[in-house]
C-alpha atoms as a PDB file:
ATOM      1  CA  MET A   1     144.189  77.123  54.324  1.00  0.00           C
ATOM      2  CA  GLN A   2     142.174  78.352  51.284  1.00  0.00           C
ATOM      3  CA  GLN A   3     140.575  75.564  49.414  1.00  0.00           C
ATOM      4  CA  ARG A   4     139.800  75.251  45.629  1.00  0.00           C
ATOM      5  CA  LYS A   5     138.014  72.592  43.428  1.00  0.00           C
ATOM      6  CA  ILE A   6     139.252  70.262  40.905  1.00  0.00           C
ATOM      7  CA  GLY A   7     136.247  67.911  39.734  1.00  0.00           C
ATOM      8  CA  GLN A   8     134.483  66.720  42.932  1.00  0.00           C
ATOM      9  CA  PHE A   9     137.720  67.219  45.103  1.00  0.00           C
ATOM     10  CA  SER A  10     138.458  70.046  47.426  1.00  0.00           C
ATOM     11  CA  VAL A  11     142.243  70.654  47.394  1.00  0.00           C
ATOM     12  CA  SER A  12     144.645  73.168  49.007  1.00  0.00           C
ATOM     13  CA  ALA A  13     144.864  76.446  46.910  1.00  0.00           C
ATOM     14  CA  ILE A  14     148.560  75.808  46.479  1.00  0.00           C
ATOM     15  CA  GLY A  15     149.435  72.108  45.305  1.00  0.00           C
ATOM     16  CA  LEU A  16     153.109  70.651  45.376  1.00  0.00           C
ATOM     17  CA  GLY A  17     154.950  69.754  42.238  1.00  0.00           C
ATOM     18  CA  CYS A  18     156.890  66.722  43.035  1.00  0.00           C
ATOM     19  CA  MET A  19     159.206  66.544  39.828  1.00  0.00           C
ATOM     20  CA  ASN A  20     162.133  68.423  41.437  1.00  0.00           C
ATOM     21  CA  MET A  21     162.649  65.539  43.962  1.00  0.00           C
ATOM     22  CA  SER A  22     163.614  63.150  41.118  1.00  0.00           C
ATOM     23  CA  ALA A  23     165.030  65.372  38.106  1.00  0.00           C
ATOM     24  CA  GLY A  24     165.052  68.834  36.390  1.00  0.00           C
ATOM     25  CA  TYR A  25     167.111  71.068  38.641  1.00  0.00           C
ATOM     26  CA  GLY A  26     170.441  69.535  39.632  1.00  0.00           C
ATOM     27  CA  PRO A  27     170.916  66.431  41.975  1.00  0.00           C
ATOM     28  CA  ARG A  28     168.187  64.520  43.617  1.00  0.00           C
ATOM     29  CA  PRO A  29     167.904  65.118  47.343  1.00  0.00           C
ATOM     30  CA  GLU A  30     168.576  62.256  49.624  1.00  0.00           C
ATOM     31  CA  ALA A  31     165.716  59.792  49.810  1.00  0.00           C
ATOM     32  CA  ALA A  32     165.396  60.361  53.639  1.00  0.00           C
ATOM     33  CA  TYR A  33     165.139  64.179  53.021  1.00  0.00           C
ATOM     34  CA  ALA A  34     162.414  63.498  50.175  1.00  0.00           C
ATOM     35  CA  GLU A  35     160.436  61.552  52.446  1.00  0.00           C
ATOM     36  CA  LYS A  36     160.658  64.145  55.234  1.00  0.00           C
ATOM     37  CA  LEU A  37     159.741  66.789  52.776  1.00  0.00           C
ATOM     38  CA  LEU A  38     156.715  64.776  51.486  1.00  0.00           C
ATOM     39  CA  ASN A  39     155.372  64.057  54.744  1.00  0.00           C
ATOM     40  CA  GLN A  40     155.877  67.561  56.102  1.00  0.00           C
ATOM     41  CA  ALA A  41     154.074  68.718  53.161  1.00  0.00           C
ATOM     42  CA  LEU A  42     150.978  66.794  54.053  1.00  0.00           C
ATOM     43  CA  ASP A  43     151.381  67.697  57.803  1.00  0.00           C
ATOM     44  CA  GLU A  44     151.438  71.408  56.846  1.00  0.00           C
ATOM     45  CA  GLY A  45     148.205  71.361  54.657  1.00  0.00           C
ATOM     46  CA  TYR A  46     148.931  70.355  51.134  1.00  0.00           C
ATOM     47  CA  THR A  47     146.264  68.146  49.817  1.00  0.00           C
ATOM     48  CA  PHE A  48     147.271  68.154  46.157  1.00  0.00           C
ATOM     49  CA  LEU A  49     150.427  66.480  44.824  1.00  0.00           C
ATOM     50  CA  ASP A  50     151.576  66.386  41.232  1.00  0.00           C
ATOM     51  CA  THR A  51     153.773  63.768  39.565  1.00  0.00           C
ATOM     52  CA  ALA A  52     154.215  61.929  36.198  1.00  0.00           C
ATOM     53  CA  ALA A  53     155.521  58.715  34.773  1.00  0.00           C
ATOM     54  CA  MET A  54     158.507  60.644  32.936  1.00  0.00           C
ATOM     55  CA  TYR A  55     159.696  62.241  36.080  1.00  0.00           C
ATOM     56  CA  GLY A  56     162.893  60.467  36.841  1.00  0.00           C
ATOM     57  CA  MET A  57     161.573  58.001  34.543  1.00  0.00           C
ATOM     58  CA  GLY A  58     159.417  56.266  37.245  1.00  0.00           C
ATOM     59  CA  HIS A  59     161.387  57.477  40.320  1.00  0.00           C
ATOM     60  CA  ASN A  60     159.267  60.309  41.349  1.00  0.00           C
ATOM     61  CA  GLU A  61     156.043  58.063  41.362  1.00  0.00           C
ATOM     62  CA  GLU A  62     157.997  55.378  43.360  1.00  0.00           C
ATOM     63  CA  LEU A  63     159.067  57.877  45.827  1.00  0.00           C
ATOM     64  CA  ILE A  64     155.456  59.006  46.277  1.00  0.00           C
ATOM     65  CA  GLY A  65     154.286  55.439  46.507  1.00  0.00           C
ATOM     66  CA  THR A  66     156.918  54.404  48.951  1.00  0.00           C
ATOM     67  CA  CYS A  67     156.985  57.509  51.405  1.00  0.00           C
ATOM     68  CA  LEU A  68     153.348  58.142  51.475  1.00  0.00           C
ATOM     69  CA  ALA A  69     152.056  54.604  51.332  1.00  0.00           C
ATOM     70  CA  SER A  70     150.143  54.913  54.818  1.00  0.00           C
ATOM     71  CA  ARG A  71     148.627  58.272  54.008  1.00  0.00           C
ATOM     72  CA  ARG A  72     147.046  57.822  50.693  1.00  0.00           C
ATOM     73  CA  GLU A  73     143.504  59.197  51.791  1.00  0.00           C
ATOM     74  CA  GLU A  74     145.097  62.243  52.882  1.00  0.00           C
ATOM     75  CA  TYR A  75     145.729  63.904  49.519  1.00  0.00           C
ATOM     76  CA  VAL A  76     144.516  64.117  45.718  1.00  0.00           C
ATOM     77  CA  LEU A  77     147.109  62.273  43.436  1.00  0.00           C
ATOM     78  CA  ALA A  78     147.807  63.655  40.082  1.00  0.00           C
ATOM     79  CA  SER A  79     149.946  61.882  37.494  1.00  0.00           C
ATOM     80  CA  LYS A  80     150.384  61.968  33.799  1.00  0.00           C
ATOM     81  CA  CYS A  81     150.903  59.662  30.896  1.00  0.00           C
ATOM     82  CA  GLY A  82     151.866  60.189  27.239  1.00  0.00           C
ATOM     83  CA  ILE A  83     155.679  60.789  27.705  1.00  0.00           C
ATOM     84  CA  PHE A  84     157.973  58.018  28.752  1.00  0.00           C
ATOM     85  CA  LYS A  85     160.843  55.980  27.511  1.00  0.00           C
ATOM     86  CA  ASN A  86     160.237  53.542  24.584  1.00  0.00           C
ATOM     87  CA  ALA A  87     161.942  50.199  24.240  1.00  0.00           C
ATOM     88  CA  GLN A  88     164.965  51.762  22.838  1.00  0.00           C
ATOM     89  CA  GLY A  89     165.302  53.707  25.850  1.00  0.00           C
ATOM     90  CA  LYS A  90     164.710  57.216  24.252  1.00  0.00           C
ATOM     91  CA  THR A  91     162.240  59.544  25.539  1.00  0.00           C
ATOM     92  CA  GLU A  92     159.117  60.006  23.432  1.00  0.00           C
ATOM     93  CA  THR A  93     155.550  61.424  23.102  1.00  0.00           C
ATOM     94  CA  ASN A  94     153.190  58.604  22.477  1.00  0.00           C
ATOM     95  CA  GLY A  95     149.422  58.997  22.772  1.00  0.00           C
ATOM     96  CA  ARG A  96     148.196  55.566  21.511  1.00  0.00           C
ATOM     97  CA  PRO A  97     145.643  53.973  23.777  1.00  0.00           C
ATOM     98  CA  GLU A  98     147.403  50.743  24.110  1.00  0.00           C
ATOM     99  CA  VAL A  99     150.591  52.619  25.303  1.00  0.00           C
ATOM    100  CA  LEU A 100     148.568  54.996  27.765  1.00  0.00           C
ATOM    101  CA  GLN A 101     146.905  51.822  29.193  1.00  0.00           C
ATOM    102  CA  LYS A 102     150.190  50.042  29.992  1.00  0.00           C
ATOM    103  CA  THR A 103     151.653  53.354  31.401  1.00  0.00           C
ATOM    104  CA  CYS A 104     148.742  53.588  33.718  1.00  0.00           C
ATOM    105  CA  GLU A 105     149.022  50.350  34.964  1.00  0.00           C
ATOM    106  CA  ASP A 106     152.820  50.815  35.448  1.00  0.00           C
ATOM    107  CA  SER A 107     151.960  54.100  37.347  1.00  0.00           C
ATOM    108  CA  LEU A 108     149.488  52.434  39.707  1.00  0.00           C
ATOM    109  CA  ARG A 109     152.135  49.900  40.689  1.00  0.00           C
ATOM    110  CA  ARG A 110     154.891  52.559  41.245  1.00  0.00           C
ATOM    111  CA  LEU A 111     152.488  54.833  43.138  1.00  0.00           C
ATOM    112  CA  ASN A 112     151.213  51.904  45.334  1.00  0.00           C
ATOM    113  CA  THR A 113     147.579  52.622  44.921  1.00  0.00           C
ATOM    114  CA  ASP A 114     144.534  51.366  43.131  1.00  0.00           C
ATOM    115  CA  VAL A 115     143.396  54.430  41.579  1.00  0.00           C
ATOM    116  CA  ILE A 116     144.613  57.771  40.382  1.00  0.00           C
ATOM    117  CA  ASP A 117     142.597  60.530  41.369  1.00  0.00           C
ATOM    118  CA  LEU A 118     143.776  63.012  38.340  1.00  0.00           C
ATOM    119  CA  TYR A 119     145.393  61.589  35.228  1.00  0.00           C
ATOM    120  CA  TYR A 120     146.549  63.956  32.650  1.00  0.00           C
ATOM    121  CA  LEU A 121     147.647  63.304  28.999  1.00  0.00           C
ATOM    122  CA  HIS A 122     151.212  64.769  29.391  1.00  0.00           C
ATOM    123  CA  ARG A 123     151.335  66.034  25.995  1.00  0.00           C
ATOM    124  CA  PRO A 124     149.149  65.530  22.852  1.00  0.00           C
ATOM    125  CA  ASP A 125     150.627  63.128  20.500  1.00  0.00           C
ATOM    126  CA  PRO A 126     150.821  64.844  17.006  1.00  0.00           C
ATOM    127  CA  ASP A 127     150.322  61.410  15.275  1.00  0.00           C
ATOM    128  CA  VAL A 128     147.349  60.434  17.343  1.00  0.00           C
ATOM    129  CA  PRO A 129     143.896  62.239  17.291  1.00  0.00           C
ATOM    130  CA  ILE A 130     143.234  63.708  20.717  1.00  0.00           C
ATOM    131  CA  GLU A 131     139.915  61.768  20.630  1.00  0.00           C
ATOM    132  CA  GLU A 132     141.530  58.518  20.605  1.00  0.00           C
ATOM    133  CA  SER A 133     143.869  59.321  23.523  1.00  0.00           C
ATOM    134  CA  VAL A 134     141.265  60.839  25.565  1.00  0.00           C
ATOM    135  CA  GLY A 135     138.989  57.927  24.756  1.00  0.00           C
ATOM    136  CA  ALA A 136     141.661  55.596  26.262  1.00  0.00           C
ATOM    137  CA  LEU A 137     141.730  57.754  29.435  1.00  0.00           C
ATOM    138  CA  SER A 138     137.780  57.598  29.587  1.00  0.00           C
ATOM    139  CA  ARG A 139     138.102  53.638  29.617  1.00  0.00           C
ATOM    140  CA  MET A 140     140.459  53.898  32.431  1.00  0.00           C
ATOM    141  CA  VAL A 141     137.865  55.858  34.403  1.00  0.00           C
ATOM    142  CA  GLU A 142     135.331  52.964  33.410  1.00  0.00           C
ATOM    143  CA  GLN A 143     137.682  50.736  34.668  1.00  0.00           C
ATOM    144  CA  GLY A 144     138.186  52.336  38.208  1.00  0.00           C
ATOM    145  CA  LYS A 145     141.740  52.977  37.707  1.00  0.00           C
ATOM    146  CA  VAL A 146     141.386  56.712  37.151  1.00  0.00           C
ATOM    147  CA  ARG A 147     138.851  59.151  38.582  1.00  0.00           C
ATOM    148  CA  LEU A 148     139.423  62.305  36.612  1.00  0.00           C
ATOM    149  CA  ILE A 149     140.806  63.163  33.199  1.00  0.00           C
ATOM    150  CA  GLY A 150     143.370  66.115  32.631  1.00  0.00           C
ATOM    151  CA  LEU A 151     145.233  67.559  29.789  1.00  0.00           C
ATOM    152  CA  SER A 152     148.588  69.424  29.620  1.00  0.00           C
ATOM    153  CA  GLU A 153     149.896  71.994  27.318  1.00  0.00           C
ATOM    154  CA  VAL A 154     147.208  71.944  24.767  1.00  0.00           C
ATOM    155  CA  SER A 155     145.716  74.637  22.497  1.00  0.00           C
ATOM    156  CA  ASP A 156     142.103  75.720  22.766  1.00  0.00           C
ATOM    157  CA  ASP A 157     140.923  73.843  19.856  1.00  0.00           C
ATOM    158  CA  THR A 158     142.535  70.408  21.179  1.00  0.00           C
ATOM    159  CA  LEU A 159     140.777  71.188  24.672  1.00  0.00           C
ATOM    160  CA  HIS A 160     137.434  71.616  23.067  1.00  0.00           C
ATOM    161  CA  ARG A 161     137.744  68.346  20.903  1.00  0.00           C
ATOM    162  CA  ALA A 162     138.895  66.613  24.051  1.00  0.00           C
ATOM    163  CA  TYR A 163     136.102  67.922  26.190  1.00  0.00           C
ATOM    164  CA  ALA A 164     133.523  66.738  23.428  1.00  0.00           C
ATOM    165  CA  THR A 165     135.103  63.408  23.849  1.00  0.00           C
ATOM    166  CA  HIS A 166     135.097  63.134  27.720  1.00  0.00           C
ATOM    167  CA  PRO A 167     134.627  65.671  30.566  1.00  0.00           C
ATOM    168  CA  ILE A 168     138.027  67.376  31.471  1.00  0.00           C
ATOM    169  CA  ALA A 169     138.642  68.134  35.081  1.00  0.00           C
ATOM    170  CA  ALA A 170     141.893  70.001  34.823  1.00  0.00           C
ATOM    171  CA  LEU A 171     144.145  71.594  32.327  1.00  0.00           C
ATOM    172  CA  GLN A 172     147.831  71.823  33.253  1.00  0.00           C
ATOM    173  CA  SER A 173     150.061  74.508  31.408  1.00  0.00           C
ATOM    174  CA  GLU A 174     153.026  76.787  32.106  1.00  0.00           C
ATOM    175  CA  TYR A 175     151.760  79.946  33.560  1.00  0.00           C
ATOM    176  CA  SER A 176     153.127  82.770  35.592  1.00  0.00           C
ATOM    177  CA  LEU A 177     153.886  86.532  35.451  1.00  0.00           C
ATOM    178  CA  TRP A 178     156.572  85.895  32.728  1.00  0.00           C
ATOM    179  CA  SER A 179     154.661  83.123  30.753  1.00  0.00           C
ATOM    180  CA  ARG A 180     151.253  84.371  29.854  1.00  0.00           C
ATOM    181  CA  THR A 181     150.326  81.935  26.851  1.00  0.00           C
ATOM    182  CA  PRO A 182     147.229  80.509  28.619  1.00  0.00           C
ATOM    183  CA  GLU A 183     145.883  83.898  28.636  1.00  0.00           C
ATOM    184  CA  ARG A 184     145.290  83.933  24.691  1.00  0.00           C
ATOM    185  CA  LYS A 185     142.510  81.412  25.046  1.00  0.00           C
ATOM    186  CA  VAL A 186     142.301  78.393  27.120  1.00  0.00           C
ATOM    187  CA  LEU A 187     142.016  80.294  30.476  1.00  0.00           C
ATOM    188  CA  LYS A 188     138.687  81.692  29.305  1.00  0.00           C
ATOM    189  CA  SER A 189     137.700  78.420  28.161  1.00  0.00           C
ATOM    190  CA  CYS A 190     138.403  76.587  31.289  1.00  0.00           C
ATOM    191  CA  ALA A 191     136.565  79.290  33.225  1.00  0.00           C
ATOM    192  CA  ASP A 192     133.556  78.923  30.960  1.00  0.00           C
ATOM    193  CA  LEU A 193     133.531  75.024  31.155  1.00  0.00           C
ATOM    194  CA  GLY A 194     134.350  74.581  34.759  1.00  0.00           C
ATOM    195  CA  ILE A 195     137.721  73.229  34.289  1.00  0.00           C
ATOM    196  CA  ALA A 196     140.415  73.789  36.995  1.00  0.00           C
ATOM    197  CA  PHE A 197     143.521  75.385  35.652  1.00  0.00           C
ATOM    198  CA  VAL A 198     146.837  74.203  37.127  1.00  0.00           C
ATOM    199  CA  PRO A 199     149.639  76.255  36.328  1.00  0.00           C
ATOM    200  CA  PHE A 200     153.124  74.531  36.270  1.00  0.00           C
ATOM    201  CA  ALA A 201     156.393  76.503  36.659  1.00  0.00           C
ATOM    202  CA  PRO A 202     154.507  79.140  38.491  1.00  0.00           C
ATOM    203  CA  LEU A 203     157.729  80.739  39.794  1.00  0.00           C
ATOM    204  CA  GLY A 204     159.271  81.049  36.414  1.00  0.00           C
ATOM    205  CA  ARG A 205     161.727  78.311  36.810  1.00  0.00           C
ATOM    206  CA  GLN A 206     162.767  80.072  39.986  1.00  0.00           C
ATOM    207  CA  PHE A 207     163.352  83.210  38.345  1.00  0.00           C
ATOM    208  CA  LEU A 208     160.441  85.111  40.169  1.00  0.00           C
ATOM    209  CA  THR A 209     161.824  83.896  43.645  1.00  0.00           C
ATOM    210  CA  GLY A 210     164.878  86.076  43.095  1.00  0.00           C
ATOM    211  CA  LYS A 211     167.418  82.975  43.600  1.00  0.00           C
ATOM    212  CA  ALA A 212     167.831  81.941  39.937  1.00  0.00           C
ATOM    213  CA  CYS A 213     171.200  82.357  37.988  1.00  0.00           C
ATOM    214  CA  ASP A 214     172.058  82.307  34.274  1.00  0.00           C
ATOM    215  CA  ILE A 215     173.085  79.101  32.393  1.00  0.00           C
ATOM    216  CA  THR A 216     176.680  79.689  33.238  1.00  0.00           C
ATOM    217  CA  SER A 217     176.394  78.745  36.914  1.00  0.00           C
ATOM    218  CA  MET A 218     173.822  75.850  36.456  1.00  0.00           C
ATOM    219  CA  ALA A 219     174.392  72.163  37.143  1.00  0.00           C
ATOM    220  CA  GLU A 220     174.783  69.783  34.208  1.00  0.00           C
ATOM    221  CA  ASN A 221     171.295  68.067  34.680  1.00  0.00           C
ATOM    222  CA  ASP A 222     169.426  71.316  34.869  1.00  0.00           C
ATOM    223  CA  TYR A 223     166.339  71.422  32.286  1.00  0.00           C
ATOM    224  CA  ARG A 224     167.039  75.274  32.087  1.00  0.00           C
ATOM    225  CA  LEU A 225     170.219  74.312  30.147  1.00  0.00           C
ATOM    226  CA  THR A 226     168.241  72.496  27.252  1.00  0.00           C
ATOM    227  CA  PHE A 227     164.386  73.239  26.561  1.00  0.00           C
ATOM    228  CA  ALA A 228     163.932  76.126  28.852  1.00  0.00           C
ATOM    229  CA  ARG A 229     167.206  77.833  27.921  1.00  0.00           C
ATOM    230  CA  PRO A 230     166.445  81.177  26.073  1.00  0.00           C
ATOM    231  CA  ARG A 231     165.477  83.351  29.083  1.00  0.00           C
ATOM    232  CA  PHE A 232     168.483  82.108  31.233  1.00  0.00           C
ATOM    233  CA  GLU A 233     170.959  82.911  28.480  1.00  0.00           C
ATOM    234  CA  PRO A 234     173.474  85.640  29.887  1.00  0.00           C
ATOM    235  CA  ASP A 235     172.134  88.486  27.842  1.00  0.00           C
ATOM    236  CA  ASN A 236     168.595  87.814  28.194  1.00  0.00           C
ATOM    237  CA  TYR A 237     169.027  87.011  31.844  1.00  0.00           C
ATOM    238  CA  ALA A 238     170.771  90.164  32.580  1.00  0.00           C
ATOM    239  CA  ALA A 239     167.704  92.220  30.895  1.00  0.00           C
ATOM    240  CA  ASN A 240     165.153  90.034  32.841  1.00  0.00           C
ATOM    241  CA  ALA A 241     166.999  90.754  36.065  1.00  0.00           C
ATOM    242  CA  LYS A 242     166.287  94.178  35.929  1.00  0.00           C
ATOM    243  CA  LEU A 243     162.609  93.519  36.688  1.00  0.00           C
ATOM    244  CA  LEU A 244     163.468  91.965  40.036  1.00  0.00           C
ATOM    245  CA  GLY A 245     164.252  95.154  41.888  1.00  0.00           C
ATOM    246  CA  PRO A 246     160.832  96.657  41.400  1.00  0.00           C
ATOM    247  CA  PHE A 247     159.157  93.171  41.952  1.00  0.00           C
ATOM    248  CA  GLU A 248     161.036  92.807  45.287  1.00  0.00           C
ATOM    249  CA  LYS A 249     159.921  96.052  46.331  1.00  0.00           C
ATOM    250  CA  ILE A 250     156.213  95.067  45.870  1.00  0.00           C
ATOM    251  CA  ALA A 251     156.802  91.985  47.719  1.00  0.00           C
ATOM    252  CA  GLU A 252     158.184  94.137  50.684  1.00  0.00           C
ATOM    253  CA  GLN A 253     155.103  96.265  50.370  1.00  0.00           C
ATOM    254  CA  GLN A 254     152.984  93.157  50.764  1.00  0.00           C
ATOM    255  CA  ASN A 255     155.209  91.694  53.650  1.00  0.00           C
ATOM    256  CA  CYS A 256     155.758  88.473  51.692  1.00  0.00           C
ATOM    257  CA  SER A 257     158.463  86.927  49.812  1.00  0.00           C
ATOM    258  CA  MET A 258     158.779  87.003  46.048  1.00  0.00           C
ATOM    259  CA  ALA A 259     157.872  83.711  45.382  1.00  0.00           C
ATOM    260  CA  GLN A 260     154.817  84.277  47.558  1.00  0.00           C
ATOM    261  CA  LEU A 261     153.733  87.310  45.474  1.00  0.00           C
ATOM    262  CA  ALA A 262     154.145  85.496  42.181  1.00  0.00           C
ATOM    263  CA  LEU A 263     151.861  82.585  43.496  1.00  0.00           C
ATOM    264  CA  ALA A 264     149.331  85.187  44.921  1.00  0.00           C
ATOM    265  CA  TRP A 265     149.300  86.867  41.582  1.00  0.00           C
ATOM    266  CA  LEU A 266     148.294  83.546  40.046  1.00  0.00           C
ATOM    267  CA  LEU A 267     145.662  82.928  42.708  1.00  0.00           C
ATOM    268  CA  ALA A 268     144.086  86.318  42.053  1.00  0.00           C
ATOM    269  CA  GLN A 269     143.509  85.401  38.276  1.00  0.00           C
ATOM    270  CA  GLY A 270     140.695  83.080  39.138  1.00  0.00           C
ATOM    271  CA  GLU A 271     139.041  80.667  41.706  1.00  0.00           C
ATOM    272  CA  PHE A 272     139.550  78.013  39.283  1.00  0.00           C
ATOM    273  CA  ILE A 273     143.306  78.340  39.419  1.00  0.00           C
ATOM    274  CA  VAL A 274     145.452  75.890  41.485  1.00  0.00           C
ATOM    275  CA  PRO A 275     149.170  76.485  41.107  1.00  0.00           C
ATOM    276  CA  ILE A 276     151.808  73.705  41.733  1.00  0.00           C
ATOM    277  CA  PRO A 277     155.151  75.137  42.612  1.00  0.00           C
ATOM    278  CA  GLY A 278     157.702  72.306  42.769  1.00  0.00           C
ATOM    279  CA  THR A 279     160.813  72.037  45.081  1.00  0.00           C
ATOM    280  CA  LYS A 280     163.253  69.664  46.673  1.00  0.00           C
ATOM    281  CA  HIS A 281     163.633  72.114  49.730  1.00  0.00           C
ATOM    282  CA  ILE A 282     161.593  71.894  52.961  1.00  0.00           C
ATOM    283  CA  ASP A 283     161.750  75.678  53.633  1.00  0.00           C
ATOM    284  CA  TYR A 284     160.736  76.501  49.926  1.00  0.00           C
ATOM    285  CA  MET A 285     157.658  74.035  50.347  1.00  0.00           C
ATOM    286  CA  SER A 286     156.523  75.683  53.645  1.00  0.00           C
ATOM    287  CA  GLU A 287     157.078  79.303  52.168  1.00  0.00           C
ATOM    288  CA  ASN A 288     155.019  78.380  49.009  1.00  0.00           C
ATOM    289  CA  LEU A 289     152.014  76.955  50.880  1.00  0.00           C
ATOM    290  CA  GLN A 290     151.725  80.364  52.922  1.00  0.00           C
ATOM    291  CA  ALA A 291     151.093  82.159  49.484  1.00  0.00           C
ATOM    292  CA  GLY A 292     147.467  80.473  49.910  1.00  0.00           C
ATOM    293  CA  GLU A 293     146.762  82.991  52.462  1.00  0.00           C
ATOM    294  CA  LEU A 294     147.893  86.159  50.774  1.00  0.00           C
ATOM    295  CA  VAL A 295     145.272  88.141  48.852  1.00  0.00           C
ATOM    296  CA  LEU A 296     146.229  91.008  46.759  1.00  0.00           C
ATOM    297  CA  ASP A 297     144.209  94.064  46.030  1.00  0.00           C
ATOM    298  CA  GLU A 298     143.337  95.065  42.432  1.00  0.00           C
ATOM    299  CA  ASN A 299     145.979  97.748  42.128  1.00  0.00           C
ATOM    300  CA  THR A 300     148.773  95.477  43.169  1.00  0.00           C
ATOM    301  CA  VAL A 301     147.706  92.767  40.602  1.00  0.00           C
ATOM    302  CA  ALA A 302     147.364  95.608  37.872  1.00  0.00           C
ATOM    303  CA  GLU A 303     151.083  96.994  38.987  1.00  0.00           C
ATOM    304  CA  LEU A 304     152.392  93.483  38.719  1.00  0.00           C
ATOM    305  CA  ASP A 305     150.663  92.950  35.415  1.00  0.00           C
ATOM    306  CA  GLU A 306     152.448  95.928  33.832  1.00  0.00           C
ATOM    307  CA  LEU A 307     155.812  95.288  35.288  1.00  0.00           C
ATOM    308  CA  ILE A 308     156.337  91.689  34.355  1.00  0.00           C
ATOM    309  CA  ASN A 309     154.862  90.267  31.299  1.00  0.00           C
ATOM    310  CA  GLU A 310     155.723  88.473  27.877  1.00  0.00           C
ATOM    311  CA  GLN A 311     156.313  92.105  26.402  1.00  0.00           C
ATOM    312  CA  SER A 312     158.835  93.043  29.150  1.00  0.00           C
ATOM    313  CA  VAL A 313     160.507  89.822  29.328  1.00  0.00           C
ATOM    314  CA  SER A 314     163.546  88.975  27.172  1.00  0.00           C
ATOM    315  CA  GLY A 315     163.627  85.437  25.433  1.00  0.00           C
ATOM    316  CA  ASP A 316     161.148  82.715  24.625  1.00  0.00           C
ATOM    317  CA  ARG A 317     159.968  80.457  27.489  1.00  0.00           C
ATOM    318  CA  TYR A 318     161.165  77.351  25.255  1.00  0.00           C
ATOM    319  CA  ILE A 319     163.869  76.816  22.623  1.00  0.00           C
ATOM    320  CA  ALA A 320     162.809  77.165  19.035  1.00  0.00           C
ATOM    321  CA  GLU A 321     162.062  73.593  18.249  1.00  0.00           C
ATOM    322  CA  MET A 322     159.752  73.143  21.219  1.00  0.00           C
ATOM    323  CA  MET A 323     158.072  76.570  20.521  1.00  0.00           C
ATOM    324  CA  GLN A 324     157.369  75.369  17.035  1.00  0.00           C
ATOM    325  CA  SER A 325     156.132  71.746  18.018  1.00  0.00           C
ATOM    326  CA  SER A 326     154.165  73.060  21.202  1.00  0.00           C
ATOM    327  CA  ASP A 327     150.288  72.518  20.795  1.00  0.00           C
ATOM    328  CA  ALA A 328     149.818  75.222  23.481  1.00  0.00           C
ATOM    329  CA  GLU A 329     151.586  77.820  21.277  1.00  0.00           C
ATOM    330  CA  ARG A 330     148.977  77.251  18.436  1.00  0.00           C
ATOM    331  CA  ASP A 331     146.455  79.757  20.059  1.00  0.00           C
END
């Protein structure tokens, strides 16, 4: 399996996004099935697992901490702080140092571990200077509770301000053929600074697998019905679906699935890129990992660039409120 670097760690070129086993895309799988998926993922070669305090509001961290308790040394563990439920039970973004410290301690307990290998600020808090939030994370490193610091969905300016406070090992943002925001500035900054770039939603929230549907057929608790709705509205989805026929033909030429093609395109963007496709299906988990062995030639990469990009796709990646409040969109 191809390996890539995140700080001092060598990890599988494809990581496993664990959110879907707790929240986001319809009902959770049965606990026994999720346990089988996680253990099989390690057996097949995944060595980088990604979770967060907000995924299932603690459920996902508890799942990993329970199911993989005896295998903690076999993988690099990433989690996130900065978004969780407040005392009133509402989800909020909060980057105050004392809140981040408590979230870390709670996460360590749920994850059944003494240290988190890579700890991200899940989103920057607009009411707290990034230097204060990253300063809090740096103290967790000093305490031995965190090994590396990461950021998620930040602008280039925020990245550089954070990096001046403490070295940043990884930046996680949405990035795929149809979501190119990082290409504006932060992708180059990561390459220049030696920061790993970790694309979430690398399969376009299932669209690039060819298995997605529009919002009229989604389960009630599907995130695509709320913040990621625009591209799955019936009219936009119908327009976007026209891209899938040519995309499938390229996948056939490469003797791979559409999902594998989308992931291979990401890997071709740089050695510092480590996608984390999420799934709650064992078959998809195995399929995604195999993309790490697929190498695309320059002509194929260029053909994919021309076919699917933010100009050829209909609809924004987020609803208007989130687009306006997103720090990453300020580049």
